[in-house]
Protein backbone atom coordinates (compact mmCIF):
# COMPACT_ATOMS: atom_id res chain seq x y z
CA MET A 1 29.07 2.98 -22.00
CA THR A 2 27.19 5.77 -20.22
CA THR A 3 27.46 9.20 -21.81
CA PHE A 4 27.24 12.01 -19.27
CA ALA A 5 25.70 15.34 -20.15
CA THR A 6 27.93 18.35 -20.75
CA GLU A 7 27.12 20.96 -18.14
CA LEU A 8 28.02 24.53 -17.30
CA PRO A 9 31.24 24.95 -15.31
CA HIS A 10 30.91 25.02 -11.54
CA THR A 11 30.39 28.53 -10.19
CA HIS A 12 32.05 29.40 -6.88
CA GLY A 13 30.28 31.36 -4.17
CA LYS A 14 26.83 30.73 -5.57
CA ALA A 15 23.96 30.20 -3.12
CA GLU A 16 22.64 26.66 -3.24
CA ARG A 17 18.92 26.25 -3.73
CA THR A 18 16.47 23.63 -2.52
CA ALA A 19 13.54 22.34 -4.54
CA ILE A 20 10.69 19.85 -4.41
CA LEU A 21 9.84 17.73 -7.43
CA TYR A 22 6.15 16.92 -7.05
CA GLY A 23 5.48 13.92 -9.27
CA ASN A 24 2.24 12.46 -10.55
CA LEU A 25 1.36 9.73 -13.05
CA GLY A 26 0.79 11.77 -16.20
CA THR A 27 -1.86 12.38 -18.81
CA PRO A 28 -2.26 12.59 -22.60
CA ASP A 29 -1.69 16.01 -24.11
CA SER A 30 -5.25 15.95 -25.43
CA PRO A 31 -8.18 13.54 -25.59
CA SER A 32 -7.37 12.75 -29.24
CA VAL A 33 -6.79 9.12 -30.20
CA PRO A 34 -3.15 9.66 -31.34
CA ASP A 35 -2.23 11.47 -28.10
CA VAL A 36 -3.93 8.82 -25.98
CA ARG A 37 -2.19 6.05 -27.93
CA ARG A 38 1.22 7.63 -27.34
CA PHE A 39 0.48 8.00 -23.66
CA LEU A 40 -0.78 4.44 -23.25
CA ALA A 41 2.20 3.06 -25.16
CA GLU A 42 4.63 4.74 -22.75
CA PHE A 43 2.60 3.91 -19.65
CA LEU A 44 1.99 0.25 -20.50
CA SER A 45 5.60 -0.27 -21.60
CA ASP A 46 6.83 0.36 -18.07
CA PRO A 47 7.87 -3.00 -16.54
CA ARG A 48 6.83 -1.63 -13.14
CA VAL A 49 3.27 -1.30 -14.41
CA VAL A 50 3.01 -4.59 -16.30
CA GLU A 51 5.20 -7.34 -14.84
CA ILE A 52 4.88 -9.71 -17.76
CA PRO A 53 7.96 -10.92 -19.70
CA ARG A 54 8.49 -8.58 -22.62
CA TRP A 55 8.45 -11.37 -25.20
CA LEU A 56 4.93 -12.21 -24.07
CA TRP A 57 3.70 -8.67 -23.38
CA TRP A 58 4.78 -6.88 -26.60
CA PRO A 59 2.46 -8.88 -28.91
CA ILE A 60 -0.44 -8.25 -26.53
CA LEU A 61 0.34 -4.54 -26.18
CA TYR A 62 1.02 -3.78 -29.84
CA GLY A 63 -1.28 -6.38 -31.37
CA LEU A 64 -4.36 -6.23 -29.15
CA ILE A 65 -4.32 -3.17 -26.87
CA LEU A 66 -2.85 -0.21 -28.76
CA PRO A 67 -4.81 -0.81 -31.99
CA PHE A 68 -8.17 -0.73 -30.17
CA ARG A 69 -8.06 0.65 -26.62
CA PRO A 70 -6.96 4.27 -27.40
CA ALA A 71 -10.26 5.13 -29.11
CA LYS A 72 -12.28 3.95 -26.11
CA SER A 73 -9.94 5.68 -23.66
CA ALA A 74 -9.97 8.89 -25.71
CA ALA A 75 -13.75 9.07 -25.42
CA LYS A 76 -13.45 8.71 -21.65
CA TYR A 77 -10.81 11.45 -21.45
CA ALA A 78 -13.01 13.72 -23.60
CA SER A 79 -15.86 13.29 -21.09
CA ILE A 80 -13.80 14.84 -18.26
CA TRP A 81 -11.52 17.24 -20.17
CA THR A 82 -11.67 20.91 -19.15
CA PRO A 83 -10.92 24.15 -21.03
CA GLN A 84 -7.65 24.28 -19.03
CA GLY A 85 -6.72 20.72 -20.05
CA SER A 86 -6.53 17.44 -18.21
CA PRO A 87 -7.86 17.67 -14.63
CA LEU A 88 -4.86 15.70 -13.36
CA GLN A 89 -2.46 18.15 -15.00
CA VAL A 90 -4.40 21.17 -13.74
CA TRP A 91 -4.65 19.97 -10.14
CA THR A 92 -1.08 18.68 -9.92
CA GLN A 93 0.27 22.02 -11.11
CA ARG A 94 -2.05 23.87 -8.74
CA GLN A 95 -0.98 21.79 -5.75
CA ALA A 96 2.69 22.42 -6.54
CA GLN A 97 1.99 26.15 -6.69
CA LEU A 98 0.06 26.13 -3.40
CA LEU A 99 2.79 24.11 -1.69
CA GLU A 100 5.46 26.61 -2.75
CA GLU A 101 3.31 29.52 -1.55
CA CYS A 102 2.71 27.80 1.79
CA LEU A 103 6.43 27.15 2.31
CA ASN A 104 7.24 30.75 1.39
CA ARG A 105 4.70 32.03 3.92
CA ARG A 106 6.47 29.95 6.55
CA GLY A 107 9.78 31.59 5.68
CA HIS A 108 11.29 28.85 3.49
CA ASP A 109 12.96 29.53 0.14
CA VAL A 110 12.03 26.33 -1.71
CA MET A 111 11.12 25.95 -5.37
CA VAL A 112 8.33 23.49 -6.14
CA CYS A 113 8.09 22.00 -9.60
CA HIS A 114 5.52 19.46 -10.77
CA ALA A 115 6.45 16.58 -13.06
CA MET A 116 4.73 13.66 -14.78
CA ARG A 117 6.02 10.12 -14.93
CA TYR A 118 4.56 9.62 -18.42
CA GLY A 119 3.83 12.15 -21.14
CA SER A 120 4.69 15.85 -21.15
CA ASN A 121 6.44 17.64 -18.27
CA SER A 122 8.61 14.56 -17.83
CA VAL A 123 10.70 13.93 -14.74
CA ALA A 124 13.94 14.38 -16.71
CA ALA A 125 12.82 17.66 -18.27
CA ARG A 126 11.72 19.11 -14.94
CA LEU A 127 14.92 18.03 -13.18
CA ASP A 128 16.90 19.69 -15.97
CA HIS A 129 14.88 22.83 -15.33
CA LEU A 130 15.62 22.75 -11.61
CA LYS A 131 19.31 22.15 -12.18
CA ALA A 132 19.51 25.07 -14.60
CA ALA A 133 17.89 27.23 -11.89
CA GLY A 134 20.78 26.46 -9.55
CA VAL A 135 19.05 23.83 -7.44
CA SER A 136 21.47 21.54 -5.60
CA ARG A 137 19.02 19.72 -3.29
CA VAL A 138 15.82 18.02 -4.50
CA LEU A 139 13.10 16.34 -2.48
CA VAL A 140 11.08 13.94 -4.65
CA PHE A 141 7.49 14.08 -3.40
CA PRO A 142 5.08 11.61 -5.10
CA ALA A 143 1.39 12.39 -5.43
CA TYR A 144 0.83 8.80 -4.22
CA PRO A 145 -0.02 8.54 -0.50
CA GLN A 146 0.28 4.74 -0.49
CA TYR A 147 3.55 3.25 -1.74
CA SER A 148 3.37 0.88 -4.68
CA SER A 149 6.07 -0.45 -6.96
CA THR A 150 3.70 0.32 -9.86
CA THR A 151 3.58 4.05 -9.08
CA THR A 152 5.99 5.36 -6.43
CA ALA A 153 8.89 3.13 -7.41
CA SER A 154 8.37 3.91 -11.09
CA LEU A 155 8.59 7.63 -10.34
CA PHE A 156 11.82 7.01 -8.42
CA ASP A 157 13.13 4.96 -11.37
CA ALA A 158 12.75 7.99 -13.62
CA VAL A 159 14.71 10.12 -11.14
CA PHE A 160 17.46 7.52 -10.87
CA GLU A 161 17.64 7.22 -14.66
CA TRP A 162 18.13 10.97 -14.97
CA ALA A 163 20.70 10.97 -12.16
CA GLY A 164 22.57 8.13 -13.85
CA ARG A 165 23.47 10.33 -16.80
CA THR A 166 23.98 13.58 -14.86
CA ARG A 167 27.54 14.68 -14.16
CA ASN A 168 26.99 17.03 -11.21
CA MET A 169 24.06 15.44 -9.39
CA PRO A 170 21.98 17.34 -6.85
CA GLU A 171 21.50 15.86 -3.41
CA LEU A 172 18.34 13.73 -3.51
CA ARG A 173 15.79 12.72 -0.92
CA PHE A 174 12.53 10.85 -1.37
CA VAL A 175 9.13 10.80 0.33
CA LYS A 176 8.23 7.12 0.16
CA HIS A 177 4.67 7.31 1.47
CA TYR A 178 2.32 9.24 3.75
CA HIS A 179 -0.66 6.89 3.90
CA ASP A 180 -0.94 7.22 7.68
CA ASP A 181 0.33 10.77 8.09
CA PRO A 182 -1.99 12.54 10.59
CA GLY A 183 -2.18 15.68 8.44
CA TYR A 184 -3.12 13.72 5.32
CA ILE A 185 -5.78 11.70 7.20
CA SER A 186 -7.13 14.86 8.83
CA ALA A 187 -7.33 16.63 5.44
CA LEU A 188 -9.30 13.69 4.00
CA ALA A 189 -11.68 13.62 6.97
CA ARG A 190 -12.21 17.39 6.95
CA HIS A 191 -12.87 17.29 3.22
CA ALA A 192 -15.57 14.63 3.67
CA VAL A 193 -17.18 16.40 6.63
CA GLN A 194 -17.36 19.67 4.70
CA TYR A 195 -19.10 17.83 1.87
CA TRP A 196 -21.59 16.19 4.25
CA GLN A 197 -22.38 19.49 5.92
CA VAL A 198 -23.84 20.60 2.58
CA HIS A 199 -25.18 17.35 1.13
CA GLY A 200 -26.00 15.19 4.14
CA ARG A 201 -24.47 11.84 5.07
CA PRO A 202 -24.62 8.49 3.22
CA ASP A 203 -25.86 5.09 4.32
CA VAL A 204 -22.48 3.65 3.32
CA LEU A 205 -19.14 5.27 2.50
CA VAL A 206 -17.21 3.36 -0.18
CA VAL A 207 -13.47 3.98 0.12
CA SER A 208 -12.17 3.08 -3.34
CA PHE A 209 -8.46 2.70 -4.05
CA HIS A 210 -6.72 2.23 -7.36
CA GLY A 211 -6.31 -1.47 -8.00
CA VAL A 212 -3.13 -3.43 -8.72
CA PRO A 213 -2.64 -7.12 -9.53
CA LEU A 214 -2.87 -9.48 -6.55
CA SER A 215 0.54 -10.82 -7.56
CA THR A 216 2.18 -7.56 -6.41
CA LEU A 217 0.92 -8.16 -2.87
CA GLN A 218 2.13 -11.75 -2.96
CA ALA A 219 5.53 -10.51 -4.17
CA GLY A 220 5.91 -8.16 -1.19
CA ASP A 221 4.37 -4.85 -2.28
CA PRO A 222 2.93 -3.03 0.81
CA TYR A 223 0.29 -1.12 -1.16
CA TYR A 224 -2.70 -3.25 -0.09
CA CYS A 225 -1.79 -2.99 3.61
CA GLU A 226 -1.23 0.76 3.38
CA CYS A 227 -4.62 1.23 1.68
CA LEU A 228 -6.35 -0.65 4.47
CA LYS A 229 -4.57 1.46 7.08
CA THR A 230 -5.58 4.69 5.34
CA ALA A 231 -9.21 3.53 5.24
CA ARG A 232 -9.16 2.45 8.88
CA LEU A 233 -7.71 5.76 10.08
CA LEU A 234 -10.11 7.77 7.92
CA ALA A 235 -13.13 5.83 9.22
CA LYS A 236 -11.94 6.40 12.78
CA ASP A 237 -11.59 10.15 12.22
CA LEU A 238 -15.08 10.24 10.70
CA GLY A 239 -16.56 8.19 13.53
CA LEU A 240 -17.91 5.51 11.18
CA SER A 241 -18.60 1.94 12.22
CA ASP A 242 -17.46 -1.10 10.22
CA ASP A 243 -20.86 -1.58 8.60
CA GLN A 244 -20.83 2.05 7.38
CA VAL A 245 -17.58 1.66 5.40
CA LYS A 246 -16.64 -0.55 2.45
CA VAL A 247 -13.06 -0.68 1.16
CA THR A 248 -12.77 -1.54 -2.55
CA PHE A 249 -10.33 -1.46 -5.46
CA GLN A 250 -10.99 -0.07 -8.93
CA SER A 251 -9.39 0.17 -12.40
CA ARG A 252 -8.87 -3.52 -13.07
CA LEU A 253 -7.09 -4.27 -16.37
CA GLY A 254 -6.97 -7.68 -18.05
CA ARG A 255 -8.07 -11.08 -16.80
CA ALA A 256 -5.60 -11.59 -13.96
CA GLN A 257 -6.84 -11.47 -10.40
CA TRP A 258 -6.44 -8.02 -8.83
CA LEU A 259 -6.88 -6.76 -5.29
CA GLN A 260 -10.45 -7.31 -4.11
CA PRO A 261 -13.22 -6.53 -3.50
CA TYR A 262 -13.73 -4.73 -6.80
CA THR A 263 -15.43 -1.34 -6.65
CA LEU A 264 -18.11 -1.67 -9.33
CA PRO A 265 -19.57 -5.05 -8.24
CA THR A 266 -19.56 -3.85 -4.63
CA ILE A 267 -21.50 -0.70 -5.49
CA ILE A 268 -24.02 -2.68 -7.54
CA GLY A 269 -24.37 -5.17 -4.69
CA LEU A 270 -25.11 -2.38 -2.22
CA ALA A 271 -27.91 -1.06 -4.42
CA GLN A 272 -29.36 -4.53 -4.86
CA ALA A 273 -29.25 -5.01 -1.07
CA GLY A 274 -31.47 -1.95 -0.60
CA ILE A 275 -28.88 0.67 0.29
CA GLN A 276 -30.40 3.95 -0.82
CA ARG A 277 -27.36 6.24 -0.79
CA VAL A 278 -23.64 5.62 -1.15
CA ASP A 279 -20.84 8.16 -1.15
CA VAL A 280 -17.49 7.30 -2.70
CA VAL A 281 -14.10 8.73 -1.77
CA CYS A 282 -10.80 7.82 -3.47
CA PRO A 283 -7.86 8.37 -1.07
CA ALA A 284 -5.24 6.89 -3.39
CA PHE A 285 -5.63 9.99 -5.57
CA VAL A 286 -4.91 13.49 -4.27
CA CYS A 287 -5.87 15.00 -7.65
CA ASP A 288 -9.04 14.28 -9.57
CA CYS A 289 -8.34 12.41 -12.80
CA LEU A 290 -9.81 9.93 -15.26
CA GLU A 291 -10.09 7.19 -12.61
CA THR A 292 -12.15 9.37 -10.29
CA LEU A 293 -14.14 11.64 -12.59
CA GLU A 294 -15.04 9.09 -15.27
CA GLU A 295 -14.72 5.66 -13.67
CA ILE A 296 -16.34 6.65 -10.37
CA ASN A 297 -18.44 9.75 -10.92
CA ILE A 298 -19.83 8.60 -14.29
CA GLU A 299 -19.58 4.80 -14.62
CA ALA A 300 -20.05 3.80 -10.98
CA ARG A 301 -22.82 6.38 -10.53
CA ALA A 302 -24.76 4.97 -13.48
CA ALA A 303 -24.28 1.39 -12.28
CA PHE A 304 -25.54 2.17 -8.76
CA LEU A 305 -28.63 4.00 -9.97
CA GLN A 306 -29.44 1.35 -12.58
CA ALA A 307 -29.19 -1.34 -9.89
CA GLY A 308 -31.86 0.37 -7.80
CA GLY A 309 -29.89 2.84 -5.68
CA ARG A 310 -31.49 6.22 -5.10
CA ALA A 311 -28.58 8.64 -4.50
CA PHE A 312 -24.91 8.44 -5.45
CA HIS A 313 -22.39 11.05 -4.29
CA TYR A 314 -18.75 11.29 -5.28
CA ILE A 315 -16.60 13.25 -2.81
CA GLY A 316 -13.89 14.80 -4.96
CA CYS A 317 -10.15 14.49 -4.33
CA LEU A 318 -8.26 16.91 -2.11
CA ASN A 319 -7.29 19.04 -5.12
CA ASP A 320 -6.87 22.61 -3.79
CA SER A 321 -8.04 21.81 -0.25
CA VAL A 322 -6.38 24.26 2.12
CA ALA A 323 -5.88 21.53 4.72
CA TRP A 324 -3.87 19.57 2.16
CA SER A 325 -2.08 21.91 -0.26
CA GLY A 326 -1.78 24.69 2.28
CA GLY A 327 -0.96 22.58 5.32
CA ALA A 328 -0.31 18.84 5.42
CA MET A 329 1.77 18.81 2.23
CA ALA A 330 4.12 21.42 3.66
CA ASP A 331 4.41 19.54 6.96
CA ILE A 332 5.37 16.32 5.17
CA ALA A 333 7.88 18.14 2.97
CA LEU A 334 9.53 20.00 5.85
CA ALA A 335 9.85 16.81 7.89
CA SER A 336 11.64 15.20 4.94
CA MET A 337 13.93 18.21 4.39
CA GLN A 338 15.17 18.45 7.97
CA GLY A 339 18.82 19.49 8.05
CA TRP A 340 18.67 21.24 4.70
CA PRO A 341 19.11 25.04 4.83
CA THR A 342 15.71 26.03 3.48
CA ARG A 343 15.20 29.27 5.38
CA ALA A 344 15.06 32.38 3.19
CA LYS A 345 18.17 34.51 3.56
CA ALA A 346 19.06 38.11 2.84
CA CYS A 347 21.43 39.03 0.00
CA ASP A 348 24.92 37.61 0.54
CA ASP A 349 26.88 40.23 -1.47
CA ASP A 350 29.22 40.91 1.45
CA GLY A 351 28.80 37.62 3.35
CA PRO A 352 30.50 34.20 3.51
CA LEU A 353 29.51 33.18 -0.03
CA ALA A 354 31.06 36.31 -1.50
CA ALA A 355 34.24 35.74 0.51
CA SER A 356 34.36 32.12 -0.64
CA ARG A 357 34.02 33.18 -4.27
CA CYS A 358 36.80 35.75 -3.93
CA ALA A 359 39.09 33.13 -2.42
CA ALA A 360 38.34 30.65 -5.22
CA LEU A 361 38.96 33.24 -7.91
CA ALA A 362 42.25 34.22 -6.25
CA MET A 363 43.36 30.58 -6.54
CA GLY A 364 42.65 30.56 -10.27
CA ALA A 365 39.00 29.53 -10.56
CA LYS A 366 37.31 30.71 -13.76
CA GLN A 367 33.75 31.03 -12.46
């Protein structure tokens, strides 16, 4: 039997607020082994992430992975940790702040709150925060441009789980994907061009996406197709020919076949083929994180140079790019909130809300 939360009584004549829940994957609280182990345990326990029967997966997770992998992962997190904390946490929070500021400049009264699917700042905790602030409409905005059941759907699961035990639910809307949104593609292209204006252009641009098992594609997940479309549109905006762009997939886990071609072997192969300079961009991530800063900018860089390449450049994620956090994000959000009263309004002390409250109190309402 579901137990619903006890909530404050309904208050009449109170202005309804609109908010955006900006959700990202999550991060350990610190690069310590215990914190990384807790994070990995939660992340790898999600059936959206690992689609293996639990009776088979639990012995692997608790007998082989969690006793050994956290120490190795902790060292990787330590290599990219900042004085402010995890880069993913820092940039996700910053993007949420910039999005709210951009919406406010455009005359919209919308709260923006960041949340993490795993670890601290959980989806449930942040939705509780928004509800306590009087929010009655929430747009769930994933930090995942390309839809995948392993990421986007898992974030939505957490929202639905919270809603399932909430008595007075807010109105909910969801941004499913924006892999081909013109503003997002333009922000990516502008970001790359700005980098090249300073550092010159590469022989080959490697467009590396986060990998997922091949079985997800075979089961109907559109992620692979959306990645290819993002890469195609980005290459077109940059004016690159087919032989100047390589699309790859990174972050393979386990022995199962994942989406190919894999990033690291491709980069090594380019160096061995005599390519002197490669640049790598990671459009599946809008915030720099372990997968970009350690896996690409450290591991892939070393592999390319050791294989004979001369110059390796990593073009960072959009992070605090004005074209993204101060433009395209707001456009996507506003398109998804059409019909909601988001415009900032003057005080309603003598307006319709006050009259409605007076009428409700006259009929016996307590609040």
